[in-house]
């Protein structure tokens, strides 16, 4: 996963937030997205089990959903930290 660019974007966001040029992202909003992504992931896994002939297509979609879910969870953790704390992405 490419968390490096995500960390850079989040750093820019915190800078804009400090300058008053951005609205604060609410952790509750990120949690709502996480719930939706988990439901989408579960649907994709169920569809893959029903249609094994489309295994490659489902695998790509499941991988994308897992990446988005990991990014959203990472963002939630970063938002709960102090805005001035350095960002530590799990992987580059």
Protein backbone atom coordinates (compact mmCIF):
# COMPACT_ATOMS: atom_id res chain seq x y z
CA UNK A 1 0.00 0.00 0.00
CA UNK A 2 1.24 3.48 -0.81
CA UNK A 3 0.70 5.30 2.45
CA UNK A 4 3.51 7.74 1.69
CA UNK A 5 1.40 9.91 -0.59
CA UNK A 6 -1.52 9.61 1.81
CA UNK A 7 0.69 10.80 4.68
CA UNK A 8 1.86 13.72 2.56
CA UNK A 9 -1.71 14.70 1.71
CA UNK A 10 -2.70 14.43 5.37
CA UNK A 11 0.24 16.64 6.34
CA UNK A 12 -0.93 19.22 3.81
CA UNK A 13 -4.45 18.94 5.23
CA UNK A 14 -3.20 19.56 8.79
CA UNK A 15 -1.28 22.60 7.54
CA UNK A 16 -4.39 24.01 5.84
CA UNK A 17 -6.42 23.21 8.95
CA UNK A 18 -3.92 25.13 11.10
CA UNK A 19 -4.19 28.11 8.77
CA UNK A 20 -7.99 27.98 8.86
CA UNK A 21 -8.27 27.08 5.18
CA UNK A 22 -9.85 23.65 5.70
CA UNK A 23 -12.74 22.12 7.58
CA UNK A 24 -11.96 19.54 10.23
CA UNK A 25 -12.58 15.95 9.15
CA UNK A 26 -14.83 14.32 11.72
CA UNK A 27 -13.77 10.84 12.86
CA UNK A 28 -17.45 9.85 12.86
CA UNK A 29 -17.57 10.52 9.11
CA UNK A 30 -14.52 8.31 8.55
CA UNK A 31 -16.15 5.59 10.68
CA UNK A 32 -19.25 5.71 8.46
CA UNK A 33 -17.06 5.20 5.39
CA UNK A 34 -15.31 2.28 7.09
CA UNK A 35 -18.67 0.61 7.77
CA UNK A 36 -19.64 1.03 4.11
CA UNK A 37 -16.28 -0.32 2.91
CA UNK A 38 -16.57 -3.37 5.17
CA UNK A 39 -20.06 -4.07 3.82
CA UNK A 40 -18.80 -3.68 0.25
CA UNK A 41 -15.91 -6.04 0.96
CA UNK A 42 -18.29 -8.65 2.40
CA UNK A 43 -20.54 -8.34 -0.67
CA UNK A 44 -17.58 -8.80 -3.00
CA UNK A 45 -16.42 -11.91 -1.14
CA UNK A 46 -19.94 -13.35 -1.29
CA UNK A 47 -20.19 -12.59 -5.02
CA UNK A 48 -16.81 -14.23 -5.61
CA UNK A 49 -18.03 -17.39 -3.91
CA UNK A 50 -21.18 -17.43 -6.06
CA UNK A 51 -19.39 -16.78 -9.35
CA UNK A 52 -16.04 -18.59 -9.42
CA UNK A 53 -15.79 -18.09 -13.18
CA UNK A 54 -15.13 -14.36 -12.56
CA UNK A 55 -12.41 -15.01 -9.98
CA UNK A 56 -9.83 -12.59 -11.43
CA UNK A 57 -12.30 -9.73 -11.65
CA UNK A 58 -13.50 -10.28 -8.08
CA UNK A 59 -9.94 -10.61 -6.79
CA UNK A 60 -9.06 -7.19 -8.20
CA UNK A 61 -12.14 -5.59 -6.68
CA UNK A 62 -11.56 -7.27 -3.31
CA UNK A 63 -7.95 -6.09 -3.31
CA UNK A 64 -9.03 -2.52 -4.05
CA UNK A 65 -11.65 -2.64 -1.29
CA UNK A 66 -9.07 -3.94 1.19
CA UNK A 67 -6.67 -1.15 0.24
CA UNK A 68 -9.35 1.51 0.69
CA UNK A 69 -10.34 -0.01 4.02
CA UNK A 70 -6.74 0.01 5.25
CA UNK A 71 -6.35 3.64 4.20
CA UNK A 72 -9.58 4.67 5.94
CA UNK A 73 -8.56 2.89 9.14
CA UNK A 74 -5.13 4.53 8.98
CA UNK A 75 -6.77 7.94 8.47
CA UNK A 76 -9.00 7.39 11.49
CA UNK A 77 -5.95 6.65 13.66
CA UNK A 78 -4.13 9.71 12.33
CA UNK A 79 -7.10 11.97 12.99
CA UNK A 80 -7.25 10.83 16.59
CA UNK A 81 -3.61 11.86 17.12
CA UNK A 82 -2.37 15.36 17.73
CA UNK A 83 -2.28 17.36 14.48
CA UNK A 84 1.33 18.40 15.15
CA UNK A 85 2.54 14.83 15.73
CA UNK A 86 4.63 13.36 12.89
CA UNK A 87 2.84 10.99 10.55
CA UNK A 88 3.97 7.38 10.61
CA UNK A 89 2.52 5.40 7.69
CA UNK A 90 2.62 1.64 8.18
CA UNK A 91 4.13 1.01 4.75
CA UNK A 92 5.40 3.06 1.84
